[in-house]
PDB file of all heavy atoms in Angstrom:
ATOM      1  N   ILE A   1      -8.302   8.706  -7.139  1.00  0.00           N
ATOM      2  CA  ILE A   1      -7.585   8.228  -5.977  1.00  0.00           C
ATOM      3  C   ILE A   1      -8.625   7.703  -4.990  1.00  0.00           C
ATOM      4  O   ILE A   1      -9.812   8.020  -5.097  1.00  0.00           O
ATOM      5  CB  ILE A   1      -6.748   9.331  -5.274  1.00  0.00           C
ATOM      6  CG1 ILE A   1      -7.665  10.514  -4.823  1.00  0.00           C
ATOM      7  CG2 ILE A   1      -5.619   9.842  -6.145  1.00  0.00           C
ATOM      8  CD1 ILE A   1      -6.928  11.562  -3.988  1.00  0.00           C
ATOM      9  N   ASP A   2      -8.198   6.839  -4.060  1.00  0.00           N
ATOM     10  CA  ASP A   2      -9.103   6.378  -3.015  1.00  0.00           C
ATOM     11  C   ASP A   2      -8.814   7.145  -1.725  1.00  0.00           C
ATOM     12  O   ASP A   2      -7.961   7.987  -1.663  1.00  0.00           O
ATOM     13  CB  ASP A   2      -9.074   4.861  -2.861  1.00  0.00           C
ATOM     14  CG  ASP A   2      -7.692   4.346  -2.347  1.00  0.00           C
ATOM     15  OD1 ASP A   2      -6.998   5.115  -1.666  1.00  0.00           O
ATOM     16  OD2 ASP A   2      -7.363   3.207  -2.650  1.00  0.00           O
ATOM     17  N   LEU A   3      -9.593   6.778  -0.676  1.00  0.00           N
ATOM     18  CA  LEU A   3      -9.487   7.542   0.566  1.00  0.00           C
ATOM     19  C   LEU A   3      -8.127   7.386   1.226  1.00  0.00           C
ATOM     20  O   LEU A   3      -7.583   8.344   1.777  1.00  0.00           O
ATOM     21  CB  LEU A   3     -10.612   7.118   1.509  1.00  0.00           C
ATOM     22  CG  LEU A   3     -10.941   8.055   2.660  1.00  0.00           C
ATOM     23  CD1 LEU A   3     -11.323   9.424   2.136  1.00  0.00           C
ATOM     24  CD2 LEU A   3     -12.064   7.493   3.496  1.00  0.00           C
ATOM     25  N   ALA A   4      -7.595   6.176   1.190  1.00  0.00           N
ATOM     26  CA  ALA A   4      -6.279   5.947   1.829  1.00  0.00           C
ATOM     27  C   ALA A   4      -5.214   6.726   1.106  1.00  0.00           C
ATOM     28  O   ALA A   4      -4.291   7.283   1.739  1.00  0.00           O
ATOM     29  CB  ALA A   4      -5.942   4.449   1.800  1.00  0.00           C
ATOM     30  N   GLU A   5      -5.278   6.825  -0.235  1.00  0.00           N
ATOM     31  CA  GLU A   5      -4.299   7.634  -0.970  1.00  0.00           C
ATOM     32  C   GLU A   5      -4.465   9.102  -0.675  1.00  0.00           C
ATOM     33  O   GLU A   5      -3.479   9.848  -0.576  1.00  0.00           O
ATOM     34  CB  GLU A   5      -4.475   7.360  -2.483  1.00  0.00           C
ATOM     35  CG  GLU A   5      -4.057   5.968  -2.901  1.00  0.00           C
ATOM     36  CD  GLU A   5      -4.420   5.648  -4.339  1.00  0.00           C
ATOM     37  OE1 GLU A   5      -5.569   5.971  -4.714  1.00  0.00           O
ATOM     38  OE2 GLU A   5      -3.602   5.068  -5.046  1.00  0.00           O
ATOM     39  N   ALA A   6      -5.711   9.551  -0.515  1.00  0.00           N
ATOM     40  CA  ALA A   6      -5.956  10.959  -0.164  1.00  0.00           C
ATOM     41  C   ALA A   6      -5.370  11.288   1.205  1.00  0.00           C
ATOM     42  O   ALA A   6      -4.796  12.343   1.415  1.00  0.00           O
ATOM     43  CB  ALA A   6      -7.438  11.268  -0.195  1.00  0.00           C
ATOM     44  N   GLU A   7      -5.513  10.383   2.176  1.00  0.00           N
ATOM     45  CA  GLU A   7      -4.912  10.591   3.471  1.00  0.00           C
ATOM     46  C   GLU A   7      -3.416  10.638   3.400  1.00  0.00           C
ATOM     47  O   GLU A   7      -2.744  11.455   4.070  1.00  0.00           O
ATOM     48  CB  GLU A   7      -5.374   9.461   4.437  1.00  0.00           C
ATOM     49  CG  GLU A   7      -6.837   9.579   4.849  1.00  0.00           C
ATOM     50  CD  GLU A   7      -7.299   8.401   5.670  1.00  0.00           C
ATOM     51  OE1 GLU A   7      -7.085   7.254   5.271  1.00  0.00           O
ATOM     52  OE2 GLU A   7      -7.921   8.649   6.736  1.00  0.00           O
ATOM     53  N   GLY A   8      -2.824   9.810   2.554  1.00  0.00           N
ATOM     54  CA  GLY A   8      -1.384   9.863   2.340  1.00  0.00           C
ATOM     55  C   GLY A   8      -0.941  11.179   1.752  1.00  0.00           C
ATOM     56  O   GLY A   8       0.090  11.713   2.109  1.00  0.00           O
ATOM     57  N   LEU A   9      -1.755  11.682   0.805  1.00  0.00           N
ATOM     58  CA  LEU A   9      -1.404  12.990   0.175  1.00  0.00           C
ATOM     59  C   LEU A   9      -1.494  14.102   1.203  1.00  0.00           C
ATOM     60  O   LEU A   9      -0.643  15.011   1.190  1.00  0.00           O
ATOM     61  CB  LEU A   9      -2.374  13.235  -0.983  1.00  0.00           C
ATOM     62  CG  LEU A   9      -2.170  14.530  -1.763  1.00  0.00           C
ATOM     63  CD1 LEU A   9      -0.750  14.632  -2.305  1.00  0.00           C
ATOM     64  CD2 LEU A   9      -3.188  14.638  -2.884  1.00  0.00           C
ATOM     65  N   ALA A  10      -2.481  14.065   2.060  1.00  0.00           N
ATOM     66  CA  ALA A  10      -2.596  15.087   3.107  1.00  0.00           C
ATOM     67  C   ALA A  10      -1.385  15.065   4.033  1.00  0.00           C
ATOM     68  O   ALA A  10      -0.833  16.103   4.426  1.00  0.00           O
ATOM     69  CB  ALA A  10      -3.899  14.873   3.930  1.00  0.00           C
ATOM     70  N   ASP A  11      -0.943  13.839   4.345  1.00  0.00           N
ATOM     71  CA  ASP A  11       0.261  13.740   5.184  1.00  0.00           C
ATOM     72  C   ASP A  11       1.506  14.232   4.477  1.00  0.00           C
ATOM     73  O   ASP A  11       2.404  14.809   5.063  1.00  0.00           O
ATOM     74  CB  ASP A  11       0.473  12.269   5.617  1.00  0.00           C
ATOM     75  CG  ASP A  11      -0.569  11.760   6.616  1.00  0.00           C
ATOM     76  OD1 ASP A  11      -1.193  12.636   7.271  1.00  0.00           O
ATOM     77  OD2 ASP A  11      -0.745  10.560   6.747  1.00  0.00           O
ATOM     78  N   LEU A  12       1.563  13.978   3.155  1.00  0.00           N
ATOM     79  CA  LEU A  12       2.709  14.445   2.377  1.00  0.00           C
ATOM     80  C   LEU A  12       2.781  15.957   2.372  1.00  0.00           C
ATOM     81  O   LEU A  12       3.888  16.549   2.480  1.00  0.00           O
ATOM     82  CB  LEU A  12       2.618  13.894   0.956  1.00  0.00           C
ATOM     83  CG  LEU A  12       3.783  14.210   0.000  1.00  0.00           C
ATOM     84  CD1 LEU A  12       5.072  13.662   0.556  1.00  0.00           C
ATOM     85  CD2 LEU A  12       3.507  13.678  -1.393  1.00  0.00           C
ATOM     86  N   LEU A  13       1.648  16.600   2.254  1.00  0.00           N
ATOM     87  CA  LEU A  13       1.639  18.067   2.226  1.00  0.00           C
ATOM     88  C   LEU A  13       2.100  18.669   3.573  1.00  0.00           C
ATOM     89  O   LEU A  13       2.644  19.749   3.588  1.00  0.00           O
ATOM     90  CB  LEU A  13       0.224  18.580   1.895  1.00  0.00           C
ATOM     91  CG  LEU A  13      -0.286  18.312   0.521  1.00  0.00           C
ATOM     92  CD1 LEU A  13      -1.740  18.707   0.348  1.00  0.00           C
ATOM     93  CD2 LEU A  13       0.566  18.986  -0.553  1.00  0.00           C
ATOM     94  N   SER A  14       1.854  17.933   4.639  1.00  0.00           N
ATOM     95  CA  SER A  14       2.231  18.483   5.962  1.00  0.00           C
ATOM     96  C   SER A  14       3.563  17.893   6.460  1.00  0.00           C
ATOM     97  O   SER A  14       4.018  18.261   7.563  1.00  0.00           O
ATOM     98  CB  SER A  14       1.143  18.156   6.990  1.00  0.00           C
ATOM     99  OG  SER A  14       0.933  16.737   7.112  1.00  0.00           O
ATOM    100  N   ALA A  15       4.208  17.050   5.675  1.00  0.00           N
ATOM    101  CA  ALA A  15       5.456  16.419   6.102  1.00  0.00           C
ATOM    102  C   ALA A  15       6.554  17.485   6.282  1.00  0.00           C
ATOM    103  O   ALA A  15       6.756  18.324   5.437  1.00  0.00           O
ATOM    104  CB  ALA A  15       5.899  15.375   5.112  1.00  0.00           C
ATOM    105  N   GLU A  16       7.281  17.366   7.387  1.00  0.00           N
ATOM    106  CA  GLU A  16       8.363  18.304   7.687  1.00  0.00           C
ATOM    107  C   GLU A  16       9.708  17.613   7.851  1.00  0.00           C
ATOM    108  O   GLU A  16      10.761  18.253   7.927  1.00  0.00           O
ATOM    109  CB  GLU A  16       8.062  19.140   8.946  1.00  0.00           C
ATOM    110  CG  GLU A  16       6.837  20.036   8.767  1.00  0.00           C
ATOM    111  CD  GLU A  16       6.602  20.902   9.989  1.00  0.00           C
ATOM    112  OE1 GLU A  16       7.300  20.698  11.025  1.00  0.00           O
ATOM    113  OE2 GLU A  16       5.702  21.784   9.927  1.00  0.00           O
ATOM    114  N   THR A  17       9.688  16.280   7.969  1.00  0.00           N
ATOM    115  CA  THR A  17      10.928  15.537   8.136  1.00  0.00           C
ATOM    116  C   THR A  17      11.003  14.457   7.051  1.00  0.00           C
ATOM    117  O   THR A  17       9.986  14.089   6.431  1.00  0.00           O
ATOM    118  CB  THR A  17      11.016  14.865   9.525  1.00  0.00           C
ATOM    119  OG1 THR A  17      10.015  13.848   9.617  1.00  0.00           O
ATOM    120  CG2 THR A  17      10.844  15.877  10.616  1.00  0.00           C
ATOM    121  N   GLU A  18      12.184  13.923   6.832  1.00  0.00           N
ATOM    122  CA  GLU A  18      12.412  12.887   5.802  1.00  0.00           C
ATOM    123  C   GLU A  18      11.609  11.634   6.131  1.00  0.00           C
ATOM    124  O   GLU A  18      11.026  11.010   5.224  1.00  0.00           O
ATOM    125  CB  GLU A  18      13.898  12.583   5.699  1.00  0.00           C
ATOM    126  CG  GLU A  18      14.241  11.478   4.702  1.00  0.00           C
ATOM    127  CD  GLU A  18      13.901  11.850   3.245  1.00  0.00           C
ATOM    128  OE1 GLU A  18      13.622  13.040   2.991  1.00  0.00           O
ATOM    129  OE2 GLU A  18      13.906  10.954   2.441  1.00  0.00           O
ATOM    130  N   ILE A  19      11.560  11.259   7.375  1.00  0.00           N
ATOM    131  CA  ILE A  19      10.823  10.036   7.737  1.00  0.00           C
ATOM    132  C   ILE A  19       9.328  10.207   7.501  1.00  0.00           C
ATOM    133  O   ILE A  19       8.645   9.259   7.090  1.00  0.00           O
ATOM    134  CB  ILE A  19      11.134   9.663   9.224  1.00  0.00           C
ATOM    135  CG1 ILE A  19      10.611   8.274   9.529  1.00  0.00           C
ATOM    136  CG2 ILE A  19      10.587  10.655  10.197  1.00  0.00           C
ATOM    137  CD1 ILE A  19      11.023   7.753  10.888  1.00  0.00           C
ATOM    138  N   GLN A  20       8.782  11.395   7.738  1.00  0.00           N
ATOM    139  CA  GLN A  20       7.384  11.679   7.429  1.00  0.00           C
ATOM    140  C   GLN A  20       7.142  11.635   5.949  1.00  0.00           C
ATOM    141  O   GLN A  20       6.118  11.122   5.484  1.00  0.00           O
ATOM    142  CB  GLN A  20       6.973  13.039   8.010  1.00  0.00           C
ATOM    143  CG  GLN A  20       6.898  13.103   9.530  1.00  0.00           C
ATOM    144  CD  GLN A  20       6.698  14.511  10.042  1.00  0.00           C
ATOM    145  OE1 GLN A  20       7.180  15.469   9.474  1.00  0.00           O
ATOM    146  NE2 GLN A  20       6.004  14.648  11.150  1.00  0.00           N
ATOM    147  N   ARG A  21       8.064  12.214   5.198  1.00  0.00           N
ATOM    148  CA  ARG A  21       7.903  12.234   3.732  1.00  0.00           C
ATOM    149  C   ARG A  21       7.850  10.828   3.160  1.00  0.00           C
ATOM    150  O   ARG A  21       6.996  10.494   2.317  1.00  0.00           O
ATOM    151  CB  ARG A  21       9.055  13.061   3.086  1.00  0.00           C
ATOM    152  CG  ARG A  21       8.940  13.169   1.571  1.00  0.00           C
ATOM    153  CD  ARG A  21      10.234  13.684   0.958  1.00  0.00           C
ATOM    154  NE  ARG A  21      11.304  12.677   1.100  1.00  0.00           N
ATOM    155  CZ  ARG A  21      11.445  11.632   0.250  1.00  0.00           C
ATOM    156  NH1 ARG A  21      10.559  11.423  -0.716  1.00  0.00           N
ATOM    157  NH2 ARG A  21      12.433  10.795   0.424  1.00  0.00           N
ATOM    158  N   ARG A  22       8.762   9.963   3.605  1.00  0.00           N
ATOM    159  CA  ARG A  22       8.825   8.612   3.053  1.00  0.00           C
ATOM    160  C   ARG A  22       7.549   7.829   3.361  1.00  0.00           C
ATOM    161  O   ARG A  22       7.045   7.114   2.486  1.00  0.00           O
ATOM    162  CB  ARG A  22      10.052   7.873   3.584  1.00  0.00           C
ATOM    163  CG  ARG A  22      11.343   8.382   2.995  1.00  0.00           C
ATOM    164  CD  ARG A  22      12.559   7.582   3.461  1.00  0.00           C
ATOM    165  NE  ARG A  22      12.689   7.606   4.910  1.00  0.00           N
ATOM    166  CZ  ARG A  22      13.784   7.192   5.538  1.00  0.00           C
ATOM    167  NH1 ARG A  22      14.810   6.694   4.854  1.00  0.00           N
ATOM    168  NH2 ARG A  22      13.854   7.210   6.855  1.00  0.00           N
ATOM    169  N   ALA A  23       7.049   7.952   4.559  1.00  0.00           N
ATOM    170  CA  ALA A  23       5.835   7.239   4.929  1.00  0.00           C
ATOM    171  C   ALA A  23       4.621   7.774   4.129  1.00  0.00           C
ATOM    172  O   ALA A  23       3.795   6.985   3.656  1.00  0.00           O
ATOM    173  CB  ALA A  23       5.562   7.360   6.422  1.00  0.00           C
ATOM    174  N   ALA A  24       4.558   9.099   3.981  1.00  0.00           N
ATOM    175  CA  ALA A  24       3.440   9.683   3.238  1.00  0.00           C
ATOM    176  C   ALA A  24       3.496   9.312   1.755  1.00  0.00           C
ATOM    177  O   ALA A  24       2.454   9.048   1.119  1.00  0.00           O
ATOM    178  CB  ALA A  24       3.452  11.204   3.413  1.00  0.00           C
ATOM    179  N   ILE A  25       4.693   9.267   1.186  1.00  0.00           N
ATOM    180  CA  ILE A  25       4.826   8.896  -0.217  1.00  0.00           C
ATOM    181  C   ILE A  25       4.289   7.508  -0.433  1.00  0.00           C
ATOM    182  O   ILE A  25       3.616   7.190  -1.448  1.00  0.00           O
ATOM    183  CB  ILE A  25       6.316   8.974  -0.635  1.00  0.00           C
ATOM    184  CG1 ILE A  25       6.737  10.412  -0.923  1.00  0.00           C
ATOM    185  CG2 ILE A  25       6.594   8.123  -1.867  1.00  0.00           C
ATOM    186  CD1 ILE A  25       6.233  10.983  -2.242  1.00  0.00           C
ATOM    187  N   ALA A  26       4.588   6.595   0.505  1.00  0.00           N
ATOM    188  CA  ALA A  26       4.131   5.218   0.362  1.00  0.00           C
ATOM    189  C   ALA A  26       2.599   5.113   0.329  1.00  0.00           C
ATOM    190  O   ALA A  26       2.040   4.454  -0.520  1.00  0.00           O
ATOM    191  CB  ALA A  26       4.690   4.362   1.511  1.00  0.00           C
ATOM    192  N   ASN A  27       1.926   5.835   1.251  1.00  0.00           N
ATOM    193  CA  ASN A  27       0.472   5.776   1.268  1.00  0.00           C
ATOM    194  C   ASN A  27      -0.151   6.548   0.136  1.00  0.00           C
ATOM    195  O   ASN A  27      -1.153   6.140  -0.449  1.00  0.00           O
ATOM    196  CB  ASN A  27      -0.049   6.330   2.626  1.00  0.00           C
ATOM    197  CG  ASN A  27      -0.025   5.235   3.715  1.00  0.00           C
ATOM    198  OD1 ASN A  27       0.113   4.067   3.400  1.00  0.00           O
ATOM    199  ND2 ASN A  27      -0.149   5.680   4.961  1.00  0.00           N
ATOM    200  N   ALA A  28       0.426   7.716  -0.242  1.00  0.00           N
ATOM    201  CA  ALA A  28      -0.090   8.492  -1.361  1.00  0.00           C
ATOM    202  C   ALA A  28       0.054   7.665  -2.633  1.00  0.00           C
ATOM    203  O   ALA A  28      -0.734   7.846  -3.592  1.00  0.00           O
ATOM    204  CB  ALA A  28       0.659   9.792  -1.462  1.00  0.00           C
ATOM    205  N   GLY A  29       1.090   6.833  -2.695  1.00  0.00           N
ATOM    206  CA  GLY A  29       1.305   5.988  -3.885  1.00  0.00           C
ATOM    207  C   GLY A  29       0.478   4.739  -3.885  1.00  0.00           C
ATOM    208  O   GLY A  29       0.620   3.934  -4.829  1.00  0.00           O
ATOM    209  N   GLY A  30      -0.315   4.512  -2.875  1.00  0.00           N
ATOM    210  CA  GLY A  30      -1.250   3.365  -2.890  1.00  0.00           C
ATOM    211  C   GLY A  30      -0.787   2.127  -2.174  1.00  0.00           C
ATOM    212  O   GLY A  30      -1.374   1.079  -2.357  1.00  0.00           O
ATOM    213  N   ALA A  31       0.239   2.235  -1.328  1.00  0.00           N
ATOM    214  CA  ALA A  31       0.730   1.013  -0.617  1.00  0.00           C
ATOM    215  C   ALA A  31      -0.343   0.407   0.227  1.00  0.00           C
ATOM    216  O   ALA A  31      -0.573  -0.803   0.217  1.00  0.00           O
ATOM    217  CB  ALA A  31       1.947   1.400   0.198  1.00  0.00           C
ATOM    218  N   LEU A  32      -1.017   1.231   1.073  1.00  0.00           N
ATOM    219  CA  LEU A  32      -2.097   0.705   1.909  1.00  0.00           C
ATOM    220  C   LEU A  32      -3.247   0.227   1.071  1.00  0.00           C
ATOM    221  O   LEU A  32      -3.856  -0.809   1.368  1.00  0.00           O
ATOM    222  CB  LEU A  32      -2.501   1.781   2.928  1.00  0.00           C
ATOM    223  CG  LEU A  32      -3.695   1.390   3.833  1.00  0.00           C
ATOM    224  CD1 LEU A  32      -3.402   0.121   4.622  1.00  0.00           C
ATOM    225  CD2 LEU A  32      -4.071   2.564   4.773  1.00  0.00           C
ATOM    226  N   SER A  33      -3.564   0.965   0.025  1.00  0.00           N
ATOM    227  CA  SER A  33      -4.719   0.609  -0.810  1.00  0.00           C
ATOM    228  C   SER A  33      -4.500  -0.763  -1.427  1.00  0.00           C
ATOM    229  O   SER A  33      -5.429  -1.594  -1.498  1.00  0.00           O
ATOM    230  CB  SER A  33      -4.925   1.657  -1.897  1.00  0.00           C
ATOM    231  OG  SER A  33      -5.148   2.918  -1.337  1.00  0.00           O
ATOM    232  N   ARG A  34      -3.283  -1.040  -1.892  1.00  0.00           N
ATOM    233  CA  ARG A  34      -2.994  -2.326  -2.502  1.00  0.00           C
ATOM    234  C   ARG A  34      -3.095  -3.452  -1.453  1.00  0.00           C
ATOM    235  O   ARG A  34      -3.582  -4.543  -1.748  1.00  0.00           O
ATOM    236  CB  ARG A  34      -1.586  -2.324  -3.124  1.00  0.00           C
ATOM    237  CG  ARG A  34      -1.512  -1.467  -4.367  1.00  0.00           C
ATOM    238  CD  ARG A  34      -0.188  -1.653  -5.087  1.00  0.00           C
ATOM    239  NE  ARG A  34       0.933  -1.112  -4.336  1.00  0.00           N
ATOM    240  CZ  ARG A  34       1.335   0.166  -4.408  1.00  0.00           C
ATOM    241  NH1 ARG A  34       0.732   1.010  -5.181  1.00  0.00           N
ATOM    242  NH2 ARG A  34       2.374   0.552  -3.687  1.00  0.00           N
ATOM    243  N   LYS A  35      -2.632  -3.147  -0.232  1.00  0.00           N
ATOM    244  CA  LYS A  35      -2.767  -4.150   0.829  1.00  0.00           C
ATOM    245  C   LYS A  35      -4.242  -4.459   1.137  1.00  0.00           C
ATOM    246  O   LYS A  35      -4.601  -5.627   1.252  1.00  0.00           O
ATOM    247  CB  LYS A  35      -2.049  -3.596   2.114  1.00  0.00           C
ATOM    248  CG  LYS A  35      -1.935  -4.644   3.223  1.00  0.00           C
ATOM    249  CD  LYS A  35      -0.968  -5.694   2.887  1.00  0.00           C
ATOM    250  CE  LYS A  35      -0.628  -6.577   4.082  1.00  0.00           C
ATOM    251  NZ  LYS A  35       0.310  -7.651   3.751  1.00  0.00           N
ATOM    252  N   VAL A  36      -5.040  -3.394   1.215  1.00  0.00           N
ATOM    253  CA  VAL A  36      -6.466  -3.594   1.515  1.00  0.00           C
ATOM    254  C   VAL A  36      -7.154  -4.343   0.375  1.00  0.00           C
ATOM    255  O   VAL A  36      -8.013  -5.205   0.589  1.00  0.00           O
ATOM    256  CB  VAL A  36      -7.159  -2.238   1.770  1.00  0.00           C
ATOM    257  CG1 VAL A  36      -8.647  -2.397   1.911  1.00  0.00           C
ATOM    258  CG2 VAL A  36      -6.560  -1.574   2.995  1.00  0.00           C
ATOM    259  N   ASP A  37      -6.790  -4.008  -0.857  1.00  0.00           N
ATOM    260  CA  ASP A  37      -7.387  -4.721  -2.014  1.00  0.00           C
ATOM    261  C   ASP A  37      -7.062  -6.212  -1.946  1.00  0.00           C
ATOM    262  O   ASP A  37      -7.891  -7.053  -2.286  1.00  0.00           O
ATOM    263  CB  ASP A  37      -6.846  -4.140  -3.323  1.00  0.00           C
ATOM    264  CG  ASP A  37      -7.465  -2.768  -3.636  1.00  0.00           C
ATOM    265  OD1 ASP A  37      -8.489  -2.441  -3.041  1.00  0.00           O
ATOM    266  OD2 ASP A  37      -6.910  -2.052  -4.471  1.00  0.00           O
ATOM    267  N   GLY A  38      -5.825  -6.542  -1.538  1.00  0.00           N
ATOM    268  CA  GLY A  38      -5.492  -7.957  -1.347  1.00  0.00           C
ATOM    269  C   GLY A  38      -6.300  -8.649  -0.304  1.00  0.00           C
ATOM    270  O   GLY A  38      -6.763  -9.777  -0.460  1.00  0.00           O
TER     271      GLY A  38
END
């Protein structure tokens, strides 16, 4: 994993609401990483 995915995973572990979970899933799944790679 890269650093952005690791940050997303940390947010996912601490997520307490549905909106937090969805945002964390996106980053843990590499959404930001793909954007940065582009």
